[in-house]
N, C-alpha and C. Protein backbone atom coordinates (compact mmCIF):
# COMPACT_ATOMS: atom_id res chain seq x y z
N MET A 1 -5.50 -40.30 -17.57
CA MET A 1 -5.68 -41.67 -16.75
C MET A 1 -6.95 -41.24 -15.86
N GLU A 2 -7.14 -40.14 -15.69
CA GLU A 2 -8.65 -39.93 -14.72
C GLU A 2 -9.72 -40.58 -15.53
N LYS A 3 -9.63 -40.15 -16.70
CA LYS A 3 -10.96 -40.94 -17.50
C LYS A 3 -11.11 -42.25 -17.31
N LEU A 4 -9.86 -42.93 -17.51
CA LEU A 4 -9.84 -44.16 -17.30
C LEU A 4 -10.16 -44.78 -16.01
N TYR A 5 -9.87 -44.07 -14.90
CA TYR A 5 -10.07 -44.31 -13.42
C TYR A 5 -11.63 -44.27 -13.24
N ARG A 6 -12.25 -43.22 -13.95
CA ARG A 6 -13.63 -42.96 -13.70
C ARG A 6 -14.48 -43.97 -14.41
N GLU A 7 -14.00 -44.55 -15.54
CA GLU A 7 -14.48 -45.88 -16.10
C GLU A 7 -14.33 -47.12 -15.25
N PHE A 8 -13.19 -47.16 -14.79
CA PHE A 8 -13.00 -48.14 -13.69
C PHE A 8 -14.07 -48.03 -12.69
N ASP A 9 -14.13 -46.99 -11.84
CA ASP A 9 -15.16 -46.79 -10.70
C ASP A 9 -16.50 -47.14 -11.22
N LYS A 10 -17.09 -46.99 -12.54
CA LYS A 10 -18.37 -47.41 -12.91
C LYS A 10 -18.31 -49.08 -12.92
N ILE A 11 -17.33 -49.68 -13.38
CA ILE A 11 -17.30 -51.21 -13.40
C ILE A 11 -17.27 -51.72 -11.82
N ILE A 12 -16.65 -51.09 -10.99
CA ILE A 12 -16.52 -51.47 -9.76
C ILE A 12 -17.94 -51.21 -9.08
N LEU A 13 -18.48 -49.99 -9.28
CA LEU A 13 -19.78 -49.90 -8.72
C LEU A 13 -20.84 -50.91 -8.99
N TYR A 14 -20.72 -51.15 -10.53
CA TYR A 14 -21.75 -52.04 -11.07
C TYR A 14 -21.65 -53.56 -10.29
N CYS A 15 -20.05 -53.58 -10.23
CA CYS A 15 -19.95 -55.19 -9.75
C CYS A 15 -20.52 -55.05 -7.91
N GLU A 16 -20.27 -54.10 -7.30
CA GLU A 16 -20.91 -54.05 -6.06
C GLU A 16 -22.33 -53.94 -5.84
N GLU A 17 -22.99 -53.27 -6.88
CA GLU A 17 -24.51 -53.41 -6.96
C GLU A 17 -24.88 -54.77 -7.22
N ASN A 18 -24.23 -55.36 -8.02
CA ASN A 18 -24.71 -56.77 -8.53
C ASN A 18 -24.15 -57.91 -7.88
N ASN A 19 -23.44 -57.73 -6.78
CA ASN A 19 -22.75 -59.03 -6.05
C ASN A 19 -22.08 -59.53 -6.72
N ILE A 20 -21.17 -59.06 -7.64
CA ILE A 20 -20.30 -59.59 -8.41
C ILE A 20 -18.78 -59.37 -7.75
N ILE A 21 -17.81 -60.36 -7.73
CA ILE A 21 -16.29 -60.20 -7.13
C ILE A 21 -15.47 -60.16 -8.29
N PRO A 22 -15.12 -59.04 -8.85
CA PRO A 22 -14.34 -58.83 -10.12
C PRO A 22 -12.79 -59.21 -9.71
N VAL A 23 -12.21 -59.71 -10.77
CA VAL A 23 -10.71 -60.16 -10.70
C VAL A 23 -10.33 -59.43 -11.96
N VAL A 24 -9.29 -58.55 -11.86
CA VAL A 24 -8.72 -57.88 -12.98
C VAL A 24 -7.44 -58.52 -13.38
N VAL A 25 -7.38 -58.96 -14.86
CA VAL A 25 -6.25 -59.59 -15.57
C VAL A 25 -5.64 -58.64 -16.13
N LEU A 26 -4.43 -58.14 -15.60
CA LEU A 26 -3.45 -57.33 -16.16
C LEU A 26 -2.60 -57.84 -17.13
N PHE A 27 -2.25 -57.30 -18.35
CA PHE A 27 -1.25 -57.78 -19.26
C PHE A 27 -0.28 -56.63 -19.34
N PRO A 28 1.08 -56.96 -19.56
CA PRO A 28 1.95 -56.04 -19.88
C PRO A 28 1.79 -55.72 -21.19
N LEU A 29 2.84 -54.84 -21.81
CA LEU A 29 2.92 -54.32 -23.38
C LEU A 29 3.61 -55.44 -23.84
N LEU A 30 2.79 -56.20 -24.79
CA LEU A 30 3.38 -57.47 -25.39
C LEU A 30 4.08 -57.19 -26.50
N VAL A 31 4.14 -55.95 -27.14
CA VAL A 31 4.72 -55.25 -28.19
C VAL A 31 6.20 -55.32 -27.93
N MET A 32 6.36 -55.11 -26.64
CA MET A 32 7.77 -55.06 -26.12
C MET A 32 8.85 -56.35 -26.24
N ASP A 33 9.91 -56.33 -26.80
CA ASP A 33 10.87 -57.24 -26.88
C ASP A 33 11.32 -57.81 -25.67
N ASP A 34 11.90 -58.85 -25.43
CA ASP A 34 12.65 -59.44 -24.15
C ASP A 34 13.13 -58.48 -23.46
N GLU A 35 14.04 -57.57 -24.04
CA GLU A 35 15.16 -56.65 -23.52
C GLU A 35 14.36 -55.64 -22.68
N HIS A 36 13.20 -55.09 -23.40
CA HIS A 36 12.27 -54.08 -22.77
C HIS A 36 11.07 -54.40 -22.07
N PHE A 37 10.70 -55.70 -22.00
CA PHE A 37 9.61 -56.02 -21.38
C PHE A 37 9.35 -55.66 -20.08
N ASP A 38 10.35 -55.46 -19.03
CA ASP A 38 10.10 -55.04 -17.81
C ASP A 38 9.58 -53.54 -17.84
N TYR A 39 9.84 -53.13 -18.80
CA TYR A 39 9.53 -51.31 -18.71
C TYR A 39 7.71 -51.20 -18.74
N SER A 40 7.25 -52.45 -18.99
CA SER A 40 5.86 -52.35 -19.01
C SER A 40 5.35 -51.82 -17.53
N TYR A 41 5.83 -52.01 -16.44
CA TYR A 41 5.60 -51.72 -15.06
C TYR A 41 5.22 -50.11 -15.11
N ILE A 42 5.71 -49.60 -15.89
CA ILE A 42 5.39 -47.93 -16.00
C ILE A 42 4.15 -47.49 -16.33
N TYR A 43 3.31 -48.50 -16.87
CA TYR A 43 1.97 -48.46 -17.26
C TYR A 43 1.03 -49.22 -16.66
N THR A 44 1.68 -50.49 -16.27
CA THR A 44 0.85 -51.37 -15.39
C THR A 44 0.76 -51.13 -14.04
N LYS A 45 1.76 -50.62 -13.53
CA LYS A 45 1.84 -50.48 -11.85
C LYS A 45 0.90 -49.53 -11.53
N PRO A 46 0.46 -48.51 -12.28
CA PRO A 46 -0.42 -47.58 -11.55
C PRO A 46 -1.94 -47.94 -11.57
N ILE A 47 -2.05 -48.72 -12.68
CA ILE A 47 -3.36 -49.38 -12.86
C ILE A 47 -3.70 -50.69 -11.70
N GLU A 48 -2.57 -51.39 -11.54
CA GLU A 48 -2.46 -52.55 -10.46
C GLU A 48 -2.94 -51.73 -9.16
N ASN A 49 -2.05 -50.80 -8.75
CA ASN A 49 -2.33 -50.05 -7.63
C ASN A 49 -3.51 -49.50 -7.38
N TYR A 50 -4.19 -49.03 -8.61
CA TYR A 50 -5.61 -48.33 -8.39
C TYR A 50 -6.49 -49.48 -7.93
N PHE A 51 -6.33 -50.62 -8.51
CA PHE A 51 -7.32 -51.58 -8.27
C PHE A 51 -6.99 -52.34 -6.77
N LYS A 52 -5.83 -52.31 -6.47
CA LYS A 52 -5.53 -53.01 -5.11
C LYS A 52 -5.92 -51.98 -3.97
N THR A 53 -5.94 -50.68 -4.34
CA THR A 53 -6.25 -49.71 -3.10
C THR A 53 -7.96 -49.90 -3.10
N ARG A 54 -8.57 -50.47 -4.08
CA ARG A 54 -9.95 -50.48 -3.67
C ARG A 54 -10.40 -52.17 -3.59
N ASN A 55 -9.40 -52.77 -2.95
CA ASN A 55 -9.32 -54.35 -2.62
C ASN A 55 -10.12 -55.25 -3.84
N ILE A 56 -9.61 -54.91 -4.98
CA ILE A 56 -9.72 -55.66 -6.12
C ILE A 56 -8.75 -56.62 -6.48
N MET A 57 -8.82 -57.86 -6.64
CA MET A 57 -8.02 -58.73 -6.92
C MET A 57 -7.40 -58.63 -8.16
N VAL A 58 -6.08 -58.35 -8.45
CA VAL A 58 -5.29 -58.45 -9.77
C VAL A 58 -4.67 -59.34 -10.02
N LEU A 59 -4.71 -60.02 -11.15
CA LEU A 59 -3.78 -61.05 -11.83
C LEU A 59 -2.98 -60.29 -12.87
N ASN A 60 -1.83 -60.05 -12.20
CA ASN A 60 -0.66 -59.31 -13.19
C ASN A 60 0.22 -60.46 -13.69
N THR A 61 -0.21 -60.75 -15.11
CA THR A 61 0.42 -61.62 -16.06
C THR A 61 1.86 -61.36 -16.12
N THR A 62 2.25 -60.37 -15.91
CA THR A 62 3.81 -60.00 -16.35
C THR A 62 4.76 -61.02 -15.42
N SER A 63 4.46 -61.47 -14.35
CA SER A 63 5.31 -62.13 -13.63
C SER A 63 5.47 -63.54 -14.23
N PHE A 64 4.49 -64.31 -14.80
CA PHE A 64 4.97 -65.58 -15.48
C PHE A 64 5.04 -65.24 -16.90
N MET A 65 4.88 -64.15 -17.73
CA MET A 65 5.08 -63.99 -18.91
C MET A 65 6.51 -63.67 -19.41
N LYS A 66 7.37 -63.02 -18.29
CA LYS A 66 8.53 -62.54 -18.64
C LYS A 66 9.50 -63.82 -18.88
N ASP A 67 9.24 -64.99 -18.51
CA ASP A 67 10.27 -65.99 -18.72
C ASP A 67 9.78 -66.93 -20.00
N ILE A 68 8.61 -66.33 -20.75
CA ILE A 68 8.34 -66.68 -21.96
C ILE A 68 8.89 -65.88 -23.02
N PRO A 69 9.81 -66.57 -23.90
CA PRO A 69 10.35 -65.47 -25.14
C PRO A 69 9.42 -64.65 -25.80
N TYR A 70 9.70 -63.77 -26.31
CA TYR A 70 8.62 -62.78 -26.97
C TYR A 70 8.14 -63.49 -28.03
N SER A 71 8.84 -64.21 -28.81
CA SER A 71 8.37 -64.94 -30.01
C SER A 71 7.37 -65.97 -29.68
N GLN A 72 7.22 -66.25 -28.37
CA GLN A 72 6.41 -67.34 -28.08
C GLN A 72 5.41 -67.02 -27.18
N ARG A 73 5.26 -65.69 -26.90
CA ARG A 73 4.05 -65.08 -26.36
C ARG A 73 3.08 -64.29 -26.89
N VAL A 74 3.42 -64.02 -28.09
CA VAL A 74 2.39 -63.25 -29.02
C VAL A 74 2.06 -64.13 -30.25
N VAL A 75 0.90 -63.75 -30.66
CA VAL A 75 0.36 -64.35 -31.90
C VAL A 75 1.31 -64.53 -33.03
N ASN A 76 1.91 -63.44 -33.42
CA ASN A 76 2.89 -63.25 -34.43
C ASN A 76 3.28 -61.99 -34.46
N THR A 77 4.28 -61.89 -35.49
CA THR A 77 4.86 -60.31 -35.50
C THR A 77 3.72 -59.26 -35.82
N ASN A 78 2.84 -59.48 -36.42
CA ASN A 78 1.94 -58.68 -36.92
C ASN A 78 0.71 -58.44 -35.83
N ASP A 79 0.77 -59.42 -34.64
CA ASP A 79 -0.33 -59.23 -33.86
C ASP A 79 0.29 -59.54 -32.44
N TYR A 80 0.10 -58.63 -31.66
CA TYR A 80 0.77 -58.57 -30.47
C TYR A 80 0.07 -58.98 -29.23
N HIS A 81 -1.19 -59.66 -29.70
CA HIS A 81 -1.98 -60.36 -28.59
C HIS A 81 -1.38 -61.50 -27.80
N PRO A 82 -1.95 -61.72 -26.64
CA PRO A 82 -1.17 -63.00 -26.15
C PRO A 82 -1.85 -64.28 -27.00
N ASN A 83 -0.87 -65.30 -27.23
CA ASN A 83 -1.08 -66.39 -28.15
C ASN A 83 -1.76 -67.56 -27.11
N GLU A 84 -1.79 -68.84 -27.59
CA GLU A 84 -2.57 -69.91 -26.90
C GLU A 84 -1.82 -70.14 -25.58
N VAL A 85 -0.48 -70.21 -25.86
CA VAL A 85 0.58 -70.54 -24.58
C VAL A 85 0.32 -69.60 -23.37
N VAL A 86 0.00 -68.33 -23.72
CA VAL A 86 -0.23 -67.26 -22.71
C VAL A 86 -1.44 -67.39 -22.20
N ASN A 87 -2.49 -67.57 -23.04
CA ASN A 87 -3.97 -67.71 -22.73
C ASN A 87 -4.47 -69.02 -21.62
N LYS A 88 -3.47 -69.94 -22.08
CA LYS A 88 -3.54 -71.32 -21.23
C LYS A 88 -3.12 -70.95 -19.82
N ILE A 89 -2.01 -70.24 -19.94
CA ILE A 89 -1.56 -70.12 -18.41
C ILE A 89 -2.37 -69.06 -17.70
N VAL A 90 -3.22 -68.21 -18.33
CA VAL A 90 -4.02 -67.13 -17.77
C VAL A 90 -5.23 -67.81 -17.17
N ALA A 91 -5.74 -68.76 -18.11
CA ALA A 91 -6.81 -69.54 -17.57
C ALA A 91 -6.43 -70.51 -16.39
N GLU A 92 -5.35 -70.93 -16.57
CA GLU A 92 -4.97 -71.97 -15.25
C GLU A 92 -4.90 -71.09 -13.90
N GLU A 93 -4.49 -69.94 -14.00
CA GLU A 93 -4.31 -68.94 -12.74
C GLU A 93 -5.52 -68.48 -12.51
N LEU A 94 -6.49 -68.21 -13.57
CA LEU A 94 -7.82 -67.79 -13.15
C LEU A 94 -8.56 -69.06 -12.49
N TYR A 95 -8.61 -70.05 -12.95
CA TYR A 95 -9.10 -71.23 -12.41
C TYR A 95 -8.67 -71.35 -10.97
N LYS A 96 -7.37 -71.29 -10.52
CA LYS A 96 -6.98 -71.27 -9.11
C LYS A 96 -7.62 -70.24 -8.47
N ILE A 97 -7.53 -69.11 -8.89
CA ILE A 97 -8.50 -68.10 -8.13
C ILE A 97 -9.83 -68.32 -7.87
N ILE A 98 -10.44 -68.92 -8.92
CA ILE A 98 -11.90 -69.13 -8.75
C ILE A 98 -12.01 -70.17 -7.80
N ILE A 99 -11.53 -71.37 -7.86
CA ILE A 99 -11.55 -72.44 -6.85
C ILE A 99 -11.07 -72.12 -5.32
N THR A 100 -10.21 -71.21 -5.15
CA THR A 100 -9.86 -70.71 -3.82
C THR A 100 -10.97 -69.95 -3.41
N ARG A 101 -11.51 -68.91 -4.07
CA ARG A 101 -12.64 -68.26 -3.68
C ARG A 101 -13.91 -69.07 -3.25
N ILE A 102 -14.05 -70.05 -4.16
CA ILE A 102 -15.38 -70.92 -3.83
C ILE A 102 -15.08 -71.68 -2.38
N ALA A 103 -13.95 -72.16 -2.21
CA ALA A 103 -13.47 -73.00 -1.06
C ALA A 103 -13.73 -72.07 0.00
N ASN A 104 -13.50 -70.71 0.04
CA ASN A 104 -13.69 -69.63 1.20
C ASN A 104 -14.89 -69.28 1.35
């Protein structure tokens, strides 16, 4: 994880130097079925905490994906990437974040 955090630090530094306000979109392990989905936090929570301690906004998609059945959140059984349903929700949530930041 230390190497990963060093890479994150480089991205944060780049954003600071270029006046970019980053938003991290954090996905759970989509390969997990409904019964085991909540175990993703073992992997996602440390990353979320890392960014939050650096005052970086994190959109953790786990909160709204847990209510979407496994078969309806991934592309297919051979491709565990988020499908169009999940991507639409993520886009809507990101839009809300952007609009809120512009308004402030």
